[in-house]
Protein backbone atom coordinates (compact mmCIF):
# COMPACT_ATOMS: atom_id res chain seq x y z
CA UNK A 1 -29.47 -2.84 67.17
CA UNK A 2 -31.69 -1.57 64.18
CA UNK A 3 -31.21 1.52 62.08
CA UNK A 4 -34.30 2.77 60.40
CA UNK A 5 -34.40 4.31 56.77
CA UNK A 6 -33.94 7.94 58.09
CA UNK A 7 -31.11 6.81 60.26
CA UNK A 8 -29.52 5.14 57.41
CA UNK A 9 -29.63 8.36 55.20
CA UNK A 10 -27.99 10.26 57.96
CA UNK A 11 -25.19 7.89 59.02
CA UNK A 12 -23.99 6.36 55.71
CA UNK A 13 -22.50 7.82 52.54
CA UNK A 14 -23.84 7.22 49.03
CA UNK A 15 -21.53 4.03 48.66
CA UNK A 16 -21.80 2.87 52.36
CA UNK A 17 -23.81 -0.52 52.65
CA UNK A 18 -25.36 -1.07 55.97
CA UNK A 19 -26.90 -4.21 57.43
CA UNK A 20 -29.13 -3.65 60.59
CA UNK A 21 -26.29 -4.78 62.90
CA UNK A 22 -23.30 -3.59 60.92
CA UNK A 23 -21.62 -0.62 59.57
CA UNK A 24 -19.38 -1.14 56.60
CA UNK A 25 -17.35 1.62 55.19
CA UNK A 26 -14.72 0.74 52.80
CA UNK A 27 -11.84 -1.29 54.50
CA UNK A 28 -13.57 -1.05 57.86
CA UNK A 29 -16.63 -3.23 59.42
CA UNK A 30 -18.11 -2.44 62.65
CA UNK A 31 -20.53 -4.91 64.07
CA UNK A 32 -23.24 -4.52 66.88
CA UNK A 33 -24.96 -7.21 68.97
CA UNK A 34 -27.54 -7.08 71.46
CA UNK A 35 -27.25 -3.43 71.32
CA UNK A 36 -23.49 -3.31 72.17
CA UNK A 37 -20.51 -2.97 70.08
CA UNK A 38 -19.26 -6.58 69.25
CA UNK A 39 -16.50 -6.29 66.61
CA UNK A 40 -14.35 -4.18 64.47
CA UNK A 41 -12.30 -5.47 61.41
CA UNK A 42 -10.00 -2.94 59.71
CA UNK A 43 -8.48 -4.55 56.38
CA UNK A 44 -6.64 -1.39 54.97
CA UNK A 45 -6.60 2.33 55.01
CA UNK A 46 -9.79 4.51 55.80
CA UNK A 47 -11.14 7.77 56.70
CA UNK A 48 -10.69 8.05 60.39
CA UNK A 49 -12.80 11.19 60.92
CA UNK A 50 -15.56 10.07 58.53
CA UNK A 51 -15.79 6.65 60.46
CA UNK A 52 -15.69 8.50 63.92
CA UNK A 53 -18.76 10.53 62.87
CA UNK A 54 -20.76 7.65 62.05
CA UNK A 55 -20.17 5.92 65.46
CA UNK A 56 -20.64 9.03 67.62
CA UNK A 57 -23.74 8.36 69.64
CA UNK A 58 -23.77 4.84 69.09
CA UNK A 59 -23.31 2.11 71.86
CA UNK A 60 -19.81 2.04 73.16
CA UNK A 61 -18.62 4.58 70.90
CA UNK A 62 -15.90 5.45 72.98
CA UNK A 63 -14.48 2.04 72.48
CA UNK A 64 -14.92 2.31 68.72
CA UNK A 65 -13.34 5.63 68.40
CA UNK A 66 -10.14 4.19 70.43
CA UNK A 67 -9.87 1.11 68.16
CA UNK A 68 -10.05 3.22 64.96
CA UNK A 69 -7.73 5.89 66.29
CA UNK A 70 -5.22 3.10 67.16
CA UNK A 71 -5.95 1.34 63.88
CA UNK A 72 -6.15 -1.95 65.62
CA UNK A 73 -7.13 -4.52 62.85
CA UNK A 74 -9.01 -7.11 64.73
CA UNK A 75 -10.99 -6.14 67.75
CA UNK A 76 -13.66 -8.58 69.57
CA UNK A 77 -15.65 -7.20 72.50
CA UNK A 78 -18.49 -8.24 74.94
CA UNK A 79 -18.81 -5.66 77.82
CA UNK A 80 -20.74 -6.01 80.82
CA UNK A 81 -21.85 -3.40 83.68
CA UNK A 82 -19.70 -3.55 86.91
CA UNK A 83 -16.18 -3.17 85.13
CA UNK A 84 -16.05 0.43 84.48
CA UNK A 85 -12.93 1.23 86.59
CA UNK A 86 -11.02 -1.69 84.95
CA UNK A 87 -12.23 -0.35 81.36
CA UNK A 88 -10.46 3.06 82.17
CA UNK A 89 -7.33 1.03 82.90
CA UNK A 90 -7.58 -1.11 79.72
CA UNK A 91 -7.99 2.13 77.94
CA UNK A 92 -4.88 3.53 79.42
CA UNK A 93 -3.08 0.50 78.43
CA UNK A 94 -4.36 0.43 74.75
CA UNK A 95 -3.45 4.23 74.36
CA UNK A 96 0.21 3.65 75.49
CA UNK A 97 1.25 0.35 74.04
CA UNK A 98 3.08 0.29 70.52
CA UNK A 99 1.40 -1.22 67.58
CA UNK A 100 -1.51 -3.39 68.52
CA UNK A 101 -2.31 -6.05 66.14
CA UNK A 102 -5.12 -7.92 68.08
CA UNK A 103 -7.52 -7.06 70.81
CA UNK A 104 -10.33 -8.97 72.60
CA UNK A 105 -12.21 -8.15 75.72
CA UNK A 106 -14.64 -10.60 77.15
CA UNK A 107 -16.61 -10.02 80.16
CA UNK A 108 -19.30 -12.52 81.61
CA UNK A 109 -20.82 -11.83 84.98
CA UNK A 110 -18.23 -10.73 87.65
CA UNK A 111 -15.29 -11.88 85.29
CA UNK A 112 -13.48 -10.66 82.44
CA UNK A 113 -10.37 -11.47 80.15
CA UNK A 114 -8.38 -9.20 77.94
CA UNK A 115 -6.16 -10.60 75.02
CA UNK A 116 -3.57 -8.18 73.48
CA UNK A 117 -1.06 -8.76 70.75
CA UNK A 118 1.49 -6.05 70.37
CA UNK A 119 4.67 -5.29 68.78
CA UNK A 120 7.10 -2.38 68.62
CA UNK A 121 7.28 -2.36 64.85
CA UNK A 122 5.80 -4.34 61.97
CA UNK A 123 8.83 -6.25 61.43
CA UNK A 124 9.32 -7.49 65.19
CA UNK A 125 7.77 -10.36 66.93
CA UNK A 126 4.51 -10.37 68.65
CA UNK A 127 4.28 -9.85 72.26
CA UNK A 128 1.09 -11.20 74.04
CA UNK A 129 -0.63 -10.12 77.09
CA UNK A 130 -3.83 -11.60 78.85
CA UNK A 131 -5.33 -10.09 81.85
CA UNK A 132 -7.87 -11.62 83.93
CA UNK A 133 -10.07 -9.69 86.21
CA UNK A 134 -13.27 -9.92 88.52
CA UNK A 135 -15.13 -6.85 88.74
CA UNK A 136 -12.36 -4.08 88.93
CA UNK A 137 -9.62 -6.28 90.27
CA UNK A 138 -6.98 -7.62 88.31
CA UNK A 139 -6.36 -11.47 89.56
CA UNK A 140 -3.98 -12.88 87.17
CA UNK A 141 -1.67 -11.32 84.49
CA UNK A 142 -0.11 -13.91 81.70
CA UNK A 143 2.65 -12.52 79.47
CA UNK A 144 4.42 -13.98 76.43
CA UNK A 145 7.57 -13.19 74.56
CA UNK A 146 7.83 -9.52 76.22
CA UNK A 147 11.05 -8.00 75.05
CA UNK A 148 10.31 -4.37 74.51
CA UNK A 149 11.32 -2.18 77.31
CA UNK A 150 8.49 0.08 76.80
CA UNK A 151 5.78 -2.62 76.87
CA UNK A 152 7.28 -3.69 80.53
CA UNK A 153 7.13 -0.20 81.60
CA UNK A 154 3.74 0.37 80.43
CA UNK A 155 2.34 -2.71 82.00
CA UNK A 156 4.31 -2.14 85.26
CA UNK A 157 2.45 1.41 85.42
CA UNK A 158 -1.06 0.57 84.20
CA UNK A 159 -1.36 -2.82 86.18
CA UNK A 160 0.66 -1.47 89.32
CA UNK A 161 3.51 -4.14 89.13
CA UNK A 162 6.53 -1.78 89.59
CA UNK A 163 9.11 -4.32 89.40
CA UNK A 164 7.97 -5.64 85.76
CA UNK A 165 9.39 -2.37 84.40
CA UNK A 166 12.80 -3.18 85.90
CA UNK A 167 13.26 -6.63 84.45
CA UNK A 168 16.14 -6.52 81.79
CA UNK A 169 16.01 -9.90 80.06
CA UNK A 170 13.26 -11.15 77.55
CA UNK A 171 10.31 -12.73 79.39
CA UNK A 172 9.35 -15.82 77.62
CA UNK A 173 6.49 -16.52 79.85
CA UNK A 174 5.28 -14.70 82.99
CA UNK A 175 2.20 -15.63 84.79
CA UNK A 176 1.10 -14.00 88.20
CA UNK A 177 -1.77 -14.12 90.28
CA UNK A 178 -3.29 -13.12 93.73
CA UNK A 179 -1.68 -9.71 95.20
CA UNK A 180 -0.01 -8.50 92.17
CA UNK A 181 1.49 -5.73 93.96
CA UNK A 182 3.84 -8.24 95.86
CA UNK A 183 4.68 -10.31 92.98
CA UNK A 184 7.82 -8.58 91.72
CA UNK A 185 8.52 -5.64 93.79
CA UNK A 186 11.33 -7.15 95.92
CA UNK A 187 14.78 -5.64 94.86
CA UNK A 188 16.49 -9.02 95.65
CA UNK A 189 14.53 -10.88 92.94
CA UNK A 190 14.77 -8.05 90.32
CA UNK A 191 18.55 -7.84 90.80
CA UNK A 192 18.69 -11.57 90.61
CA UNK A 193 16.84 -11.81 87.18
CA UNK A 194 18.99 -9.14 85.72
CA UNK A 195 22.10 -10.60 87.00
CA UNK A 196 21.44 -13.88 85.28
CA UNK A 197 20.04 -11.77 82.18
CA UNK A 198 18.74 -14.88 80.46
CA UNK A 199 15.23 -15.22 78.71
CA UNK A 200 13.16 -16.36 81.65
CA UNK A 201 9.70 -18.11 82.53
CA UNK A 202 8.28 -16.79 85.77
CA UNK A 203 5.19 -18.05 87.62
CA UNK A 204 4.05 -16.88 91.02
CA UNK A 205 1.54 -16.09 93.48
CA UNK A 206 1.23 -13.53 96.21
CA UNK A 207 5.08 -13.02 96.03
CA UNK A 208 6.05 -16.47 95.83
CA UNK A 209 7.55 -17.64 92.41
CA UNK A 210 9.33 -20.21 90.48
CA UNK A 211 11.69 -18.88 87.67
CA UNK A 212 13.05 -21.04 84.71
CA UNK A 213 15.84 -19.47 82.73
CA UNK A 214 16.62 -20.58 79.30
CA UNK A 215 18.34 -22.96 78.68
CA UNK A 216 17.57 -24.89 82.05
CA UNK A 217 18.40 -23.34 85.26
CA UNK A 218 15.60 -22.98 87.70
CA UNK A 219 15.01 -21.18 91.08
CA UNK A 220 12.45 -20.80 93.79
CA UNK A 221 11.57 -17.31 95.44
CA UNK A 222 9.74 -17.30 98.67
CA UNK A 223 10.11 -15.90 102.07
CA UNK A 224 12.28 -13.07 100.45
CA UNK A 225 15.14 -15.51 99.71
CA UNK A 226 16.13 -17.27 96.54
CA UNK A 227 16.61 -21.03 96.47
CA UNK A 228 18.19 -23.11 93.68
CA UNK A 229 16.14 -25.97 92.00
CA UNK A 230 18.06 -26.55 89.14
CA UNK A 231 21.67 -25.19 88.70
CA UNK A 232 24.65 -25.86 86.71
CA UNK A 233 27.55 -25.50 89.04
CA UNK A 234 30.09 -25.06 86.37
CA UNK A 235 28.69 -21.86 84.57
CA UNK A 236 25.62 -20.69 86.38
CA UNK A 237 26.54 -21.08 90.12
CA UNK A 238 29.45 -18.70 90.51
CA UNK A 239 27.47 -15.86 88.96
CA UNK A 240 24.64 -16.45 91.30
CA UNK A 241 26.02 -17.72 94.43
CA UNK A 242 25.84 -14.63 96.48
CA UNK A 243 22.15 -14.49 96.02
CA UNK A 244 21.44 -17.68 97.89
CA UNK A 245 20.88 -18.02 101.63
CA UNK A 246 24.24 -18.84 103.67
CA UNK A 247 23.32 -22.28 104.59
CA UNK A 248 23.02 -23.44 100.95
CA UNK A 249 25.74 -21.38 99.62
CA UNK A 250 28.32 -22.94 102.09
CA UNK A 251 27.31 -26.49 100.91
CA UNK A 252 27.07 -25.57 97.11
CA UNK A 253 30.39 -23.84 97.24
CA UNK A 254 32.13 -27.02 97.35
CA UNK A 255 30.79 -27.80 93.83
CA UNK A 256 31.27 -24.44 92.27
CA UNK A 257 33.08 -24.96 88.85
CA UNK A 258 32.42 -28.55 88.69
CA UNK A 259 30.63 -30.02 85.54
CA UNK A 260 27.75 -31.19 87.31
CA UNK A 261 23.96 -29.87 87.82
CA UNK A 262 22.34 -30.26 91.20
CA UNK A 263 18.73 -30.86 90.40
CA UNK A 264 15.70 -30.73 92.83
CA UNK A 265 13.01 -32.60 91.04
CA UNK A 266 10.32 -31.31 93.26
CA UNK A 267 6.78 -29.81 92.25
CA UNK A 268 5.69 -27.97 95.07
CA UNK A 269 7.19 -25.59 97.69
CA UNK A 270 6.24 -28.06 100.62
CA UNK A 271 8.27 -30.89 98.55
CA UNK A 272 11.06 -28.62 98.31
CA UNK A 273 11.32 -27.43 101.92
CA UNK A 274 11.00 -31.16 103.02
CA UNK A 275 13.90 -32.19 100.46
CA UNK A 276 16.14 -29.41 101.24
CA UNK A 277 17.79 -30.34 104.65
CA UNK A 278 18.22 -33.88 102.99
CA UNK A 279 19.85 -32.75 99.95
CA UNK A 280 22.24 -30.44 102.00
CA UNK A 281 23.21 -33.41 104.10
CA UNK A 282 24.22 -35.61 101.07
CA UNK A 283 25.89 -32.84 99.46
CA UNK A 284 28.08 -32.28 102.56
CA UNK A 285 29.10 -35.87 102.45
CA UNK A 286 30.04 -36.00 98.80
CA UNK A 287 33.57 -36.09 97.85
CA UNK A 288 34.01 -33.48 95.37
CA UNK A 289 37.63 -34.55 94.28
CA UNK A 290 36.13 -37.54 92.59
CA UNK A 291 34.44 -37.58 89.14
CA UNK A 292 30.79 -36.75 89.97
CA UNK A 293 28.05 -37.45 87.24
CA UNK A 294 26.36 -34.69 85.18
CA UNK A 295 23.47 -34.87 87.16
CA UNK A 296 22.66 -35.16 90.91
CA UNK A 297 18.83 -35.52 91.07
CA UNK A 298 16.86 -35.16 94.30
CA UNK A 299 13.29 -34.99 95.55
CA UNK A 300 11.53 -35.85 98.82
CA UNK A 301 11.84 -39.53 98.49
CA UNK A 302 14.71 -40.17 96.06
CA UNK A 303 18.47 -39.33 95.26
CA UNK A 304 19.35 -40.52 92.11
CA UNK A 305 22.76 -40.15 90.20
CA UNK A 306 24.45 -42.28 87.38
CA UNK A 307 22.86 -45.70 87.91
CA UNK A 308 22.47 -44.90 91.76
CA UNK A 309 18.83 -44.41 93.21
CA UNK A 310 18.43 -44.17 97.03
CA UNK A 311 15.04 -43.87 98.38
CA UNK A 312 13.48 -42.74 101.70
CA UNK A 313 16.10 -41.55 104.41
CA UNK A 314 18.72 -41.27 101.79
CA UNK A 315 20.63 -38.84 103.84
CA UNK A 316 21.50 -41.29 106.39
CA UNK A 317 23.31 -43.57 104.10
CA UNK A 318 27.02 -43.77 105.07
CA UNK A 319 30.04 -44.54 102.49
CA UNK A 320 28.13 -42.84 99.67
CA UNK A 321 31.16 -41.80 98.07
CA UNK A 322 32.36 -45.36 97.31
CA UNK A 323 29.58 -45.61 94.91
CA UNK A 324 31.47 -43.04 92.60
CA UNK A 325 34.40 -44.98 92.58
CA UNK A 326 35.61 -47.17 89.61
CA UNK A 327 35.59 -50.34 91.79
CA UNK A 328 31.71 -49.87 92.58
CA UNK A 329 30.86 -50.12 88.89
CA UNK A 330 30.02 -53.86 89.36
CA UNK A 331 27.43 -52.69 91.82
CA UNK A 332 25.65 -50.44 89.35
CA UNK A 333 22.86 -49.79 88.67
CA UNK A 334 21.55 -50.13 92.14
CA UNK A 335 18.54 -49.29 94.15
CA UNK A 336 18.73 -48.77 97.81
CA UNK A 337 15.98 -48.25 100.36
CA UNK A 338 17.24 -46.57 103.60
CA UNK A 339 15.30 -46.70 106.78
CA UNK A 340 17.92 -45.56 109.09
CA UNK A 341 21.82 -46.18 109.46
CA UNK A 342 21.49 -49.83 110.11
CA UNK A 343 18.11 -50.93 108.22
CA UNK A 344 18.61 -50.80 104.42
CA UNK A 345 17.68 -52.78 101.32
CA UNK A 346 19.86 -53.04 98.18
CA UNK A 347 18.49 -54.02 94.82
CA UNK A 348 20.71 -55.06 91.72
CA UNK A 349 19.78 -56.08 88.37
CA UNK A 350 21.51 -59.63 87.97
CA UNK A 351 23.28 -60.23 84.89
CA UNK A 352 23.00 -63.55 82.97
CA UNK A 353 26.59 -64.44 83.95
CA UNK A 354 26.05 -63.62 87.51
CA UNK A 355 27.83 -66.57 88.82
CA UNK A 356 30.98 -65.14 87.20
CA UNK A 357 30.71 -61.78 88.88
CA UNK A 358 29.76 -62.90 92.24
CA UNK A 359 33.22 -62.61 93.89
CA UNK A 360 33.88 -58.98 92.64
CA UNK A 361 30.30 -58.25 93.50
CA UNK A 362 30.87 -59.57 96.94
CA UNK A 363 34.12 -57.81 97.36
CA UNK A 364 32.43 -54.58 96.33
CA UNK A 365 29.57 -54.98 98.40
CA UNK A 366 31.52 -55.49 101.64
CA UNK A 367 33.75 -52.42 101.00
CA UNK A 368 30.42 -50.40 100.40
CA UNK A 369 28.73 -51.79 103.65
CA UNK A 370 31.79 -51.74 105.87
CA UNK A 371 31.70 -55.38 106.84
CA UNK A 372 32.64 -58.76 105.85
CA UNK A 373 29.54 -60.30 107.73
CA UNK A 374 27.70 -60.81 104.46
CA UNK A 375 26.03 -64.42 103.80
CA UNK A 376 24.41 -65.74 100.73
CA UNK A 377 20.74 -66.83 101.77
CA UNK A 378 19.70 -70.41 101.46
CA UNK A 379 16.22 -71.78 102.00
CA UNK A 380 17.20 -73.14 105.45
CA UNK A 381 17.10 -69.97 107.43
CA UNK A 382 17.60 -71.70 110.48
CA UNK A 383 21.22 -72.65 109.42
CA UNK A 384 21.93 -69.06 108.37
CA UNK A 385 21.11 -67.74 112.01
CA UNK A 386 24.43 -66.35 113.25
CA UNK A 387 24.98 -63.45 115.31
CA UNK A 388 27.96 -62.78 113.38
CA UNK A 389 25.97 -62.06 110.11
CA UNK A 390 24.94 -58.67 109.46
CA UNK A 391 23.47 -58.80 105.77
CA UNK A 392 22.21 -61.68 103.65
CA UNK A 393 22.31 -61.76 99.86
CA UNK A 394 19.64 -63.77 97.80
CA UNK A 395 18.43 -64.04 94.21
CA UNK A 396 15.00 -62.91 93.17
CA UNK A 397 14.03 -63.23 89.39
CA UNK A 398 16.51 -60.92 87.64
CA UNK A 399 17.75 -59.26 90.72
CA UNK A 400 20.18 -59.57 93.68
CA UNK A 401 18.82 -58.33 96.95
CA UNK A 402 20.62 -57.62 100.05
CA UNK A 403 19.18 -56.63 103.34
CA UNK A 404 20.15 -56.45 106.91
CA UNK A 405 19.17 -59.52 109.08
CA UNK A 406 16.28 -57.85 110.90
CA UNK A 407 14.51 -57.06 107.68
CA UNK A 408 15.20 -60.49 105.93
CA UNK A 409 11.83 -62.20 106.88
CA UNK A 410 9.79 -59.40 105.57
CA UNK A 411 11.77 -58.76 102.22
CA UNK A 412 12.04 -62.34 101.55
CA UNK A 413 8.14 -62.68 102.03
CA UNK A 414 7.38 -60.32 99.21
CA UNK A 415 10.57 -59.13 97.30
CA UNK A 416 8.36 -57.38 94.64
CA UNK A 417 7.22 -54.65 97.14
CA UNK A 418 10.67 -53.65 97.35
CA UNK A 419 11.79 -53.86 93.89
CA UNK A 420 8.94 -51.62 92.83
CA UNK A 421 8.21 -49.37 95.82
CA UNK A 422 5.44 -46.77 95.48
């Protein structure tokens, strides 16, 4: 945008320097680019009425006047046609938030992004708001460090996310996309968040979300139900048990008050759903009267706890409680691959003095497998063929490997395949 000499005399005072694309009045710089408002920097007090008079009639004067009125110190903007309805929503948001310390609006083609930094007062921490939209439809909202009740309520009203205004705890991070009206509008979810009442990190899409609480508990919300991913059974579980589905609660109740954490190490909802029945099966078998480790960790393929790692059909492993008894310590650490109730492979790290521990090792192994029919494998497989033998034990590098008779030829042919399964 260019100003001629006549225009310059009408729009500036005696002490106002003016470049062809910039108005500078005292502590305020207003810049234009390609015929549109581009930037406003406010670096101190200014005469608001005087500046408003200067921008009236210039491009995007409504935005310039709004920014001057709200005294936003840093404002970057690049506006495009096709977002007019969205602009009105943004203006409403800007008018109703507390102190805004930074504002940028960037539009390119059909898409737009808004970044806002706001604070209830100059002494408080900054809250961050990022809004993504296509034409006039909001497709994603990211929030950071939102602790002000007013900020939550303003966002809830303007962005049409009613549940947001009802969340009591601090929002460390919130990222929702898709149909935002579904995201936080379920009473069960809001009641759950407020009952825990800890700073939270929530990421979701179309009404499905994962919630992480500070310092470490984590939950999934889908199908209008709340599912535990990481939950401390001593402090957190008793407080939130009533929110969980009955089939989970009746299993988890056995661990309530124990100093252990039940941990789903899954990254997708599909993995969680596949792991859930296996986890409940294992937890139903565990004896809660013994000393359980601090973490019981599960995913689709693995159950891991205190030197015990069980792979594949880990829910089918019998006598799992033996592994948590003191007499089983000679077996740990142990890796077990379970194919079914009979076919399994056990892998142990072999100590340097393994010959000295072979007897207690075999004794513990027999108790765990529930049979005395375990033989030490030799090269002459034919001599070992015996219908009474159920499991074979052999050495390979730094390992003891135990497997049932049917799997022995496969395991002996390529032990590394089972030591480091993919």
